[in-house]
Amino acid sequence: MRSHEAGALHGQAGDRGPAWLTNPDDPNPLVPHLWSDGVAKVDGVLTVAGESVLDLAAEFGTPTYVIDEADFRRRARGFKDAFVGADVYYAGKAFLCVAAARWITEEGLNLDVCTGGELAVALAADVPPSRIGLHGNNKSTAELRRALEVGVGRIIIDSVEEIGRLRDLTAELGVTAPVMIRVTAGVEAHTHEYISTSHEDQKFGFSISGGDALDAVRQVVAEPGLELRGLHSHIGSQIFVTDGFEVAARRVLRLHAQVERELGVTMPEFDLGGGFGIAYTTQDDPSTAADLARSMLKIVDDECRALGVAVPHLSIEPGRAIAGPSTFTLYEVGTSKSVALDGGASRRYVSVDGGMSDNIRPALYGADYSCTLASRASDAPAVLSRVVGKHCESGDIVVKDEFLPGDVAAGDLLAVPGTGAYCRSLASNYNHVPRAAVVAVRDGEARLVLRRETEADLMTLDVG
């Protein structure tokens, strides 16, 4: 790892922040498209579905993830209604608990899981097994066995070894496994390298260009215990345009047509994945579910017409686009300080009672977030601030750049929007910090859906 002069790298933005971030005349108002439908400010105090964050902090503590349940449900319904005739699988990896799994089922969506633990949550929520899909690039024999025993609706095959495991298990159990084959279309999604999943050099699926995908189809078709339902593609995450889906659809459907023509096998389904982006900051401009549906359904229809094949039954897998905007994280400020930078500039550091244990994405992906002073109004001018956590890492950043009132101090509450996806799911106990609570609010009533961990919870695992 190369070293550098600290000021030369970290101080280059000075007190201006990134080009897309503007200094507001008044830092108190919300930027509406960053927040769920039910969030507002009343006399400077953030409310969600009529519930004040002052009351939420008093009852549930901080940090706490706060879900606007009606917003979550509305976004789920929005995808179901927009993608007419298609199946919508909620990607449970974004955020999953028993309550959320029930909301998804009640709104008519299916559920995609990728581990035995996620499958256990789905079953505990009484999600019909036929509406569950099992993903994962390294499913264990035990996970596959349980999926077959309960009768999940589909298993997405990701490796040659998995074909063998399913062959043996279906023979042992006397069942047939409905399967799809995950393929990589060689599409470079315009997103972070770690969440781009359809280029060739990565761990997921079978390569189309290398011939591995067609070989996998042949192997699956040869197994009497496997019922091939179709091909599955997923190009990445936090994607704002449909260009990548168009390229992926063309390449995957070309293979679909080849299988039908050369092997005489008709596959009735096609999954084009998910990864639809959301707004984390003012620079983000995501598409609506209706816009995505209009474009993606047309892409599939056009490609099938060009290839001369029947349009397969489509499915998609939104996760972040449903859970992400529906939730914000509520923190309490503990300390603040101003640090002198090169050229006479300075940066204000505001430390909160959470950090990378409840949101690893800024450290992992360099993800940007926004925030607002949530517990009161302020007349102080806006100051460029960096919101940081309590962990022993200089990379423990919650919000890299935001203009906050200059008088933000210990005891104030800050709220960070867009934290419903991949925050609680990726949460850790780093520095032995218990994981935060998750609270759902609807019609002015708040209820706990995942309780806060305690130090006693941590110690139950320590058998030394």
Protein backbone atom coordinates (compact mmCIF):
# COMPACT_ATOMS: atom_id res chain seq x y z
CA MET A 1 0.00 0.00 0.00
CA ARG A 2 1.40 3.36 -1.01
CA SER A 3 1.61 6.23 1.45
CA HIS A 4 0.80 9.83 0.76
CA GLU A 5 0.93 13.19 2.45
CA ALA A 6 -2.34 13.30 4.34
CA GLY A 7 -3.23 16.88 3.55
CA ALA A 8 -2.61 16.45 -0.15
CA LEU A 9 -5.35 13.82 -0.41
CA HIS A 10 -7.84 14.50 2.34
CA GLY A 11 -7.80 18.26 2.26
CA GLN A 12 -8.21 18.80 -1.45
CA ALA A 13 -11.96 19.46 -1.31
CA GLY A 14 -11.48 22.13 1.35
CA ASP A 15 -14.72 23.48 2.73
CA ARG A 16 -16.55 23.34 -0.60
CA GLY A 17 -17.46 19.66 -0.80
CA PRO A 18 -18.10 17.75 -4.03
CA ALA A 19 -19.32 19.64 -7.10
CA TRP A 20 -22.85 18.22 -6.88
CA LEU A 21 -23.36 19.36 -3.27
CA THR A 22 -24.63 22.92 -2.97
CA ASN A 23 -24.58 25.12 0.11
CA PRO A 24 -28.24 25.73 0.98
CA ASP A 25 -29.58 29.09 2.12
CA ASP A 26 -31.47 27.17 4.81
CA PRO A 27 -30.22 23.71 5.92
CA ASN A 28 -33.47 22.82 7.72
CA PRO A 29 -35.87 21.78 4.90
CA LEU A 30 -35.91 18.23 3.59
CA VAL A 31 -35.03 17.23 0.02
CA PRO A 32 -38.30 15.35 -0.64
CA HIS A 33 -37.09 12.72 -3.12
CA LEU A 34 -34.54 11.41 -0.59
CA TRP A 35 -37.19 10.50 1.98
CA SER A 36 -40.17 8.18 2.23
CA ASP A 37 -43.66 9.48 1.61
CA GLY A 38 -44.56 9.67 5.29
CA VAL A 39 -41.60 11.77 6.42
CA ALA A 40 -41.98 15.48 7.14
CA LYS A 41 -40.73 18.17 9.48
CA VAL A 42 -42.97 19.89 12.02
CA ASP A 43 -41.35 22.92 13.66
CA GLY A 44 -37.98 21.49 12.69
CA VAL A 45 -38.65 18.05 14.20
CA LEU A 46 -38.64 15.08 11.82
CA THR A 47 -41.80 12.99 11.84
CA VAL A 48 -42.66 9.73 10.10
CA ALA A 49 -46.28 8.66 9.62
CA GLY A 50 -47.16 11.25 12.27
CA GLU A 51 -44.66 9.97 14.84
CA SER A 52 -41.96 12.34 16.12
CA VAL A 53 -38.34 11.17 16.14
CA LEU A 54 -38.08 12.68 19.63
CA ASP A 55 -40.63 10.13 20.80
CA LEU A 56 -38.99 7.34 18.82
CA ALA A 57 -35.58 8.08 20.32
CA ALA A 58 -37.06 8.23 23.82
CA GLU A 59 -38.84 4.89 23.43
CA PHE A 60 -36.41 2.85 21.32
CA GLY A 61 -33.05 4.59 21.74
CA THR A 62 -30.47 5.31 19.06
CA PRO A 63 -29.14 4.36 16.62
CA THR A 64 -32.37 2.94 15.22
CA TYR A 65 -33.50 2.09 11.72
CA VAL A 66 -36.99 3.57 11.21
CA ILE A 67 -39.18 2.04 8.49
CA ASP A 68 -42.14 3.88 6.97
CA GLU A 69 -44.25 0.73 6.57
CA ALA A 70 -46.85 2.29 4.27
CA ASP A 71 -44.07 3.54 1.98
CA PHE A 72 -42.44 0.09 1.91
CA ARG A 73 -45.75 -1.49 0.98
CA ARG A 74 -46.52 1.18 -1.64
CA ARG A 75 -43.19 0.62 -3.39
CA ALA A 76 -43.77 -3.15 -3.39
CA ARG A 77 -47.23 -2.67 -4.90
CA GLY A 78 -45.78 -0.23 -7.42
CA PHE A 79 -43.55 -2.92 -8.93
CA LYS A 80 -46.34 -5.51 -8.85
CA ASP A 81 -48.75 -3.15 -10.63
CA ALA A 82 -46.20 -1.85 -13.15
CA PHE A 83 -44.83 -5.21 -14.32
CA VAL A 84 -48.14 -6.57 -15.54
CA GLY A 85 -48.00 -10.29 -16.26
CA ALA A 86 -44.55 -10.69 -14.67
CA ASP A 87 -43.50 -12.13 -11.31
CA VAL A 88 -41.85 -9.74 -8.87
CA TYR A 89 -39.43 -11.37 -6.43
CA TYR A 90 -38.37 -9.14 -3.56
CA ALA A 91 -34.62 -9.56 -3.05
CA GLY A 92 -34.46 -10.47 0.63
CA LYS A 93 -30.73 -9.73 0.86
CA ALA A 94 -31.55 -6.01 0.81
CA PHE A 95 -33.41 -6.24 4.12
CA LEU A 96 -35.25 -9.15 5.64
CA CYS A 97 -37.09 -9.88 8.84
CA VAL A 98 -40.31 -11.75 9.57
CA ALA A 99 -42.42 -8.58 9.42
CA ALA A 100 -40.95 -7.47 6.07
CA ALA A 101 -41.45 -10.94 4.58
CA ARG A 102 -45.11 -10.77 5.59
CA TRP A 103 -45.53 -7.31 4.03
CA ILE A 104 -44.07 -8.60 0.78
CA THR A 105 -46.39 -11.61 0.73
CA GLU A 106 -49.44 -9.53 1.57
CA GLU A 107 -48.68 -7.15 -1.29
CA GLY A 108 -48.58 -10.04 -3.78
CA LEU A 109 -44.84 -10.35 -4.32
CA ASN A 110 -42.65 -13.43 -4.24
CA LEU A 111 -39.45 -13.64 -2.19
CA ASP A 112 -35.89 -14.33 -3.26
CA VAL A 113 -33.54 -15.76 -0.61
CA CYS A 114 -29.91 -16.79 -0.94
CA THR A 115 -29.00 -18.64 2.29
CA GLY A 116 -30.48 -21.11 4.70
CA GLY A 117 -30.90 -18.29 7.21
CA GLU A 118 -32.95 -16.17 4.83
CA LEU A 119 -35.03 -19.22 3.95
CA ALA A 120 -35.66 -19.79 7.66
CA VAL A 121 -36.96 -16.22 8.03
CA ALA A 122 -39.26 -16.68 5.02
CA LEU A 123 -40.68 -19.90 6.45
CA ALA A 124 -41.13 -18.33 9.88
CA ALA A 125 -43.16 -15.59 8.18
CA ASP A 126 -45.37 -18.24 6.55
CA VAL A 127 -44.36 -17.25 3.03
CA PRO A 128 -45.76 -19.98 0.76
CA PRO A 129 -42.73 -22.06 -0.33
CA SER A 130 -43.96 -22.02 -3.93
CA ARG A 131 -43.40 -18.25 -3.90
CA ILE A 132 -39.78 -18.53 -2.72
CA GLY A 133 -36.73 -18.61 -4.98
CA LEU A 134 -33.36 -19.81 -3.68
CA HIS A 135 -30.25 -18.06 -4.97
CA GLY A 136 -26.59 -18.31 -3.96
CA ASN A 137 -23.27 -19.18 -5.57
CA ASN A 138 -22.32 -21.81 -2.96
CA LYS A 139 -25.46 -23.44 -1.61
CA SER A 140 -24.66 -26.23 0.79
CA THR A 141 -26.18 -29.68 0.54
CA ALA A 142 -28.12 -28.94 3.73
CA GLU A 143 -29.55 -25.72 2.27
CA LEU A 144 -30.57 -27.46 -0.95
CA ARG A 145 -32.09 -30.35 0.97
CA ARG A 146 -34.27 -28.06 3.04
CA ALA A 147 -35.35 -26.12 -0.03
CA LEU A 148 -36.44 -29.33 -1.73
CA GLU A 149 -38.14 -30.66 1.39
CA VAL A 150 -40.29 -27.56 1.85
CA GLY A 151 -40.94 -27.22 -1.89
CA VAL A 152 -39.50 -23.87 -2.90
CA GLY A 153 -40.77 -22.58 -6.22
CA ARG A 154 -37.40 -22.41 -7.92
CA ILE A 155 -33.69 -22.90 -7.33
CA ILE A 156 -31.26 -20.79 -9.34
CA ILE A 157 -28.27 -22.99 -10.24
CA ASP A 158 -24.88 -21.27 -10.11
CA SER A 159 -22.28 -24.03 -10.55
CA VAL A 160 -21.60 -27.47 -11.96
CA GLU A 161 -21.20 -28.84 -8.43
CA GLU A 162 -24.71 -27.67 -7.62
CA ILE A 163 -26.13 -29.65 -10.54
CA GLY A 164 -24.58 -32.76 -9.04
CA ARG A 165 -25.85 -32.00 -5.56
CA LEU A 166 -29.37 -31.51 -6.85
CA ARG A 167 -29.17 -34.68 -8.93
CA ASP A 168 -28.29 -36.71 -5.84
CA LEU A 169 -30.81 -35.01 -3.56
CA THR A 170 -33.75 -35.28 -5.96
CA ALA A 171 -33.03 -38.97 -6.41
CA GLU A 172 -32.79 -39.49 -2.65
CA LEU A 173 -35.95 -37.51 -1.83
CA GLY A 174 -37.97 -38.64 -4.83
CA VAL A 175 -38.79 -35.08 -5.91
CA THR A 176 -38.32 -32.90 -8.96
CA ALA A 177 -36.48 -29.58 -8.57
CA PRO A 178 -37.70 -26.59 -10.61
CA VAL A 179 -34.50 -24.78 -11.56
CA MET A 180 -33.17 -21.79 -13.47
CA ILE A 181 -29.59 -21.35 -14.64
CA ARG A 182 -27.79 -18.14 -13.78
CA VAL A 183 -25.77 -16.85 -16.69
CA THR A 184 -23.30 -13.98 -17.04
CA ALA A 185 -23.98 -11.87 -20.09
CA GLY A 186 -20.68 -9.97 -20.11
CA VAL A 187 -22.35 -6.64 -19.34
CA GLU A 188 -20.38 -3.98 -17.47
CA ALA A 189 -23.05 -2.25 -15.40
CA HIS A 190 -22.28 1.39 -14.64
CA THR A 191 -21.92 0.93 -10.91
CA HIS A 192 -19.27 0.08 -8.31
CA GLU A 193 -17.07 -2.91 -9.19
CA TYR A 194 -18.15 -4.79 -6.06
CA ILE A 195 -21.85 -4.62 -6.98
CA SER A 196 -21.48 -5.24 -10.70
CA THR A 197 -22.35 -8.90 -11.22
CA SER A 198 -22.58 -9.73 -14.91
CA HIS A 199 -19.09 -9.05 -16.25
CA GLU A 200 -17.04 -12.14 -16.97
CA ASP A 201 -14.42 -11.95 -14.20
CA GLN A 202 -16.56 -12.57 -11.11
CA LYS A 203 -17.97 -15.41 -9.08
CA PHE A 204 -21.59 -15.62 -10.21
CA GLY A 205 -23.14 -17.81 -12.87
CA PHE A 206 -22.10 -19.49 -16.11
CA SER A 207 -20.46 -17.54 -18.91
CA ILE A 208 -22.43 -17.26 -22.14
CA SER A 209 -19.47 -16.24 -24.29
CA GLY A 210 -17.27 -19.04 -23.00
CA GLY A 211 -19.89 -21.72 -23.69
CA ASP A 212 -20.23 -22.69 -20.03
CA ALA A 213 -23.89 -21.63 -19.94
CA LEU A 214 -24.89 -23.88 -22.85
CA ASP A 215 -22.97 -26.77 -21.30
CA ALA A 216 -24.85 -26.22 -18.04
CA VAL A 217 -28.16 -26.31 -19.89
CA ARG A 218 -27.21 -29.64 -21.46
CA GLN A 219 -26.29 -31.09 -18.07
CA VAL A 220 -29.50 -29.94 -16.42
CA VAL A 221 -31.68 -31.22 -19.26
CA ALA A 222 -30.01 -34.62 -18.94
CA GLU A 223 -31.02 -34.96 -15.28
CA PRO A 224 -34.52 -36.47 -14.81
CA GLY A 225 -34.88 -34.88 -11.37
CA LEU A 226 -34.32 -31.32 -12.65
CA GLU A 227 -37.00 -29.29 -14.41
CA LEU A 228 -35.39 -26.44 -16.35
CA ARG A 229 -37.63 -23.38 -16.08
CA GLY A 230 -35.37 -20.84 -17.75
CA LEU A 231 -32.32 -18.58 -17.67
CA HIS A 232 -31.50 -16.00 -15.05
CA SER A 233 -29.47 -12.81 -15.46
CA HIS A 234 -28.46 -10.12 -12.98
CA ILE A 235 -26.14 -7.32 -14.11
CA GLY A 236 -25.49 -5.44 -10.86
CA SER A 237 -26.93 -3.03 -8.37
CA GLN A 238 -27.71 0.69 -7.97
CA ILE A 239 -28.35 1.03 -11.73
CA PHE A 240 -30.18 4.08 -13.10
CA VAL A 241 -30.51 3.36 -16.83
CA THR A 242 -31.88 0.36 -18.72
CA ASP A 243 -29.14 0.18 -21.37
CA GLY A 244 -27.40 -2.68 -19.54
CA PHE A 245 -30.66 -4.62 -19.26
CA GLU A 246 -31.14 -4.25 -23.01
CA VAL A 247 -27.71 -5.70 -23.77
CA ALA A 248 -28.18 -8.49 -21.22
CA ALA A 249 -31.63 -9.38 -22.53
CA ARG A 250 -30.33 -9.58 -26.08
CA ARG A 251 -27.48 -11.91 -25.15
CA VAL A 252 -29.45 -14.12 -22.75
CA LEU A 253 -32.45 -14.42 -25.06
CA ARG A 254 -30.11 -15.32 -27.91
CA LEU A 255 -28.99 -18.27 -25.77
CA HIS A 256 -32.64 -18.98 -24.92
CA ALA A 257 -33.40 -19.22 -28.64
CA GLN A 258 -30.32 -21.37 -29.27
CA VAL A 259 -31.42 -23.86 -26.60
CA GLU A 260 -34.86 -24.04 -28.15
CA ARG A 261 -33.48 -24.45 -31.68
CA GLU A 262 -30.57 -26.84 -31.08
CA LEU A 263 -31.75 -28.87 -28.09
CA GLY A 264 -35.48 -28.75 -28.70
CA VAL A 265 -36.02 -27.53 -25.15
CA THR A 266 -38.61 -24.83 -24.47
CA MET A 267 -37.90 -22.80 -21.36
CA PRO A 268 -41.05 -21.02 -20.16
CA GLU A 269 -39.40 -18.38 -17.94
CA PHE A 270 -36.76 -15.64 -18.05
CA ASP A 271 -35.46 -13.60 -15.10
CA LEU A 272 -33.83 -10.26 -15.87
CA GLY A 273 -32.80 -9.55 -12.28
CA GLY A 274 -33.00 -6.28 -10.43
CA GLY A 275 -30.51 -3.77 -9.10
CA PHE A 276 -32.62 -0.68 -9.70
CA GLY A 277 -31.06 2.43 -8.16
CA ILE A 278 -32.45 4.82 -5.56
CA ALA A 279 -31.67 8.40 -4.54
CA TYR A 280 -29.10 8.67 -1.75
CA THR A 281 -28.11 12.27 -2.54
CA THR A 282 -29.29 15.11 -4.76
CA GLN A 283 -27.10 13.81 -7.61
CA ASP A 284 -29.21 10.64 -7.95
CA ASP A 285 -32.23 10.52 -10.27
CA PRO A 286 -33.80 7.04 -10.20
CA SER A 287 -36.50 5.79 -12.54
CA THR A 288 -39.98 4.94 -11.35
CA ALA A 289 -41.27 1.38 -11.37
CA ALA A 290 -43.64 2.34 -14.20
CA ASP A 291 -40.79 3.72 -16.32
CA LEU A 292 -38.66 0.64 -15.68
CA ALA A 293 -41.53 -1.68 -16.58
CA ARG A 294 -42.35 0.18 -19.78
CA SER A 295 -38.75 -0.03 -20.96
CA MET A 296 -37.88 -3.55 -19.80
CA LEU A 297 -41.07 -5.21 -21.05
CA LYS A 298 -40.53 -3.59 -24.44
CA ILE A 299 -36.91 -4.77 -24.50
CA VAL A 300 -37.94 -8.39 -23.92
CA ASP A 301 -40.81 -8.24 -26.43
CA ASP A 302 -38.61 -6.67 -29.13
CA GLU A 303 -35.79 -9.18 -28.66
CA CYS A 304 -38.11 -12.19 -28.73
CA ARG A 305 -39.78 -10.90 -31.87
CA ALA A 306 -36.39 -10.42 -33.53
CA LEU A 307 -35.33 -13.95 -32.56
CA GLY A 308 -38.62 -15.53 -33.58
CA VAL A 309 -39.34 -17.09 -30.19
CA ALA A 310 -42.31 -16.84 -27.87
CA VAL A 311 -42.00 -14.32 -25.06
CA PRO A 312 -41.15 -16.26 -21.87
CA HIS A 313 -42.77 -15.44 -18.56
CA LEU A 314 -40.68 -12.62 -17.09
CA SER A 315 -39.59 -12.11 -13.52
CA ILE A 316 -37.60 -9.33 -11.89
CA GLU A 317 -35.99 -8.92 -8.46
CA PRO A 318 -36.16 -5.45 -6.87
CA GLY A 319 -34.85 -5.17 -3.33
CA ARG A 320 -33.11 -1.85 -2.71
CA ALA A 321 -35.77 0.01 -4.73
CA ILE A 322 -38.43 -1.15 -2.26
CA ALA A 323 -36.64 -1.22 1.07
CA GLY A 324 -34.03 1.51 0.60
CA PRO A 325 -36.08 4.73 0.45
CA SER A 326 -38.59 3.50 3.02
CA THR A 327 -36.12 3.72 5.92
CA PHE A 328 -33.89 6.25 7.65
CA THR A 329 -31.42 5.76 10.48
CA LEU A 330 -31.76 7.91 13.58
CA TYR A 331 -28.58 8.83 15.47
CA GLU A 332 -27.66 10.97 18.47
CA VAL A 333 -24.71 13.34 18.23
CA GLY A 334 -21.98 12.81 20.80
CA THR A 335 -19.15 15.18 19.85
CA SER A 336 -18.17 17.71 17.19
CA LYS A 337 -14.91 19.34 16.21
CA SER A 338 -13.45 21.47 13.40
CA VAL A 339 -10.23 20.34 11.74
CA ALA A 340 -7.95 22.75 9.87
CA LEU A 341 -7.12 21.76 6.29
CA ASP A 342 -4.60 23.03 3.77
CA GLY A 343 -5.17 26.48 2.30
CA GLY A 344 -6.96 27.85 5.34
CA ALA A 345 -10.02 25.63 4.87
CA SER A 346 -11.58 23.49 7.58
CA ARG A 347 -13.95 20.59 7.97
CA ARG A 348 -16.38 19.96 10.79
CA TYR A 349 -16.57 16.41 12.14
CA VAL A 350 -19.83 15.40 13.82
CA SER A 351 -19.65 12.07 15.67
CA VAL A 352 -22.75 9.96 16.21
CA ASP A 353 -23.51 6.89 18.31
CA GLY A 354 -23.42 4.42 15.42
CA GLY A 355 -21.25 4.15 12.33
CA MET A 356 -19.80 1.41 10.18
CA SER A 357 -21.39 -1.29 12.33
CA ASP A 358 -24.86 -0.16 11.21
CA ASN A 359 -23.88 1.13 7.73
CA ILE A 360 -20.73 -0.31 6.20
CA ARG A 361 -21.52 0.92 2.68
CA PRO A 362 -19.53 4.20 2.82
CA ALA A 363 -16.43 2.27 3.93
CA LEU A 364 -17.06 -0.69 1.62
CA TYR A 365 -18.20 1.04 -1.59
CA GLY A 366 -17.42 4.72 -0.98
CA ALA A 367 -21.20 5.22 -0.95
CA ASP A 368 -22.55 8.74 -0.45
CA TYR A 369 -25.41 9.58 1.88
CA SER A 370 -27.28 12.68 3.02
CA CYS A 371 -28.57 13.67 6.43
CA THR A 372 -30.57 16.30 8.29
CA LEU A 373 -30.80 17.76 11.77
CA ALA A 374 -33.89 15.92 13.00
CA SER A 375 -34.63 17.11 16.56
CA ARG A 376 -35.05 20.89 16.15
CA ALA A 377 -34.89 23.82 13.77
CA SER A 378 -31.72 25.92 13.65
CA ASP A 379 -30.99 29.52 12.66
CA ALA A 380 -27.27 28.86 12.34
CA PRO A 381 -25.68 29.05 8.87
CA ALA A 382 -24.84 25.80 7.11
CA VAL A 383 -21.34 24.39 7.54
CA LEU A 384 -19.80 21.62 5.47
CA SER A 385 -19.70 18.66 7.83
CA ARG A 386 -18.60 15.03 7.85
CA VAL A 387 -20.73 12.71 9.97
CA VAL A 388 -18.62 9.93 11.45
CA GLY A 389 -19.18 6.97 13.73
CA LYS A 390 -17.80 5.81 17.05
CA HIS A 391 -15.60 2.96 15.77
CA CYS A 392 -11.82 2.83 15.86
CA GLU A 393 -11.34 3.36 12.12
CA SER A 394 -10.62 6.57 10.23
CA GLY A 395 -12.83 5.17 7.47
CA ASP A 396 -15.79 5.01 9.85
CA ILE A 397 -17.78 7.57 7.87
CA VAL A 398 -21.58 7.79 7.86
CA VAL A 399 -22.01 10.84 5.61
CA LYS A 400 -18.89 12.03 3.83
CA ASP A 401 -20.11 15.53 2.93
CA GLU A 402 -23.22 17.39 4.03
CA PHE A 403 -24.12 20.96 4.90
CA LEU A 404 -25.51 20.96 8.44
CA PRO A 405 -26.37 23.87 10.73
CA GLY A 406 -23.22 25.18 12.38
CA ASP A 407 -24.64 24.75 15.87
CA VAL A 408 -25.22 20.97 15.72
CA ALA A 409 -24.03 19.71 19.09
CA ALA A 410 -24.10 16.81 21.54
CA GLY A 411 -27.62 15.56 22.20
CA ASP A 412 -29.00 16.56 18.80
CA LEU A 413 -30.58 13.90 16.61
CA LEU A 414 -29.49 13.37 13.01
CA ALA A 415 -31.40 11.29 10.45
CA VAL A 416 -29.83 9.64 7.40
CA PRO A 417 -32.31 8.69 4.62
CA GLY A 418 -32.13 5.75 2.24
CA THR A 419 -30.77 3.23 4.74
CA GLY A 420 -33.37 0.50 4.29
CA ALA A 421 -31.23 -1.66 2.01
CA TYR A 422 -27.91 -3.32 2.82
CA CYS A 423 -27.48 -1.47 6.12
CA ARG A 424 -29.12 -3.75 8.70
CA SER A 425 -28.33 -6.70 6.40
CA LEU A 426 -24.60 -5.87 6.45
CA ALA A 427 -24.54 -4.77 10.10
CA SER A 428 -21.81 -6.10 12.37
CA ASN A 429 -20.67 -6.12 15.99
CA TYR A 430 -17.38 -4.38 15.27
CA ASN A 431 -15.83 -3.07 18.51
CA HIS A 432 -18.46 -5.23 20.24
CA VAL A 433 -21.20 -2.71 19.48
CA PRO A 434 -24.66 -4.34 19.65
CA ARG A 435 -26.65 -4.08 16.42
CA ALA A 436 -29.32 -1.39 16.21
CA ALA A 437 -33.06 -1.85 16.57
CA VAL A 438 -35.48 -1.73 13.64
CA VAL A 439 -38.79 0.06 14.20
CA ALA A 440 -41.75 0.14 11.82
CA VAL A 441 -44.12 3.12 11.92
CA ARG A 442 -47.58 3.15 10.39
CA ASP A 443 -50.56 5.45 10.97
CA GLY A 444 -48.89 7.15 13.92
CA GLU A 445 -48.02 3.92 15.71
CA ALA A 446 -44.51 2.54 16.11
CA ARG A 447 -43.62 -1.05 16.84
CA LEU A 448 -40.39 -2.97 17.18
CA VAL A 449 -39.72 -5.50 14.41
CA LEU A 450 -36.09 -6.29 15.32
CA ARG A 451 -35.01 -5.51 18.86
CA ARG A 452 -31.71 -3.92 19.71
CA GLU A 453 -28.97 -6.34 20.65
CA THR A 454 -27.56 -6.11 24.15
CA GLU A 455 -24.14 -6.81 25.61
CA ALA A 456 -25.72 -9.89 27.15
CA ASP A 457 -26.60 -11.10 23.63
CA LEU A 458 -22.95 -10.73 22.64
CA MET A 459 -21.76 -12.65 25.66
CA THR A 460 -24.07 -15.61 25.00
CA LEU A 461 -21.85 -16.49 22.04
CA ASP A 462 -18.61 -16.22 24.02
CA VAL A 463 -17.95 -19.65 25.48
CA GLY A 464 -14.35 -18.93 26.56
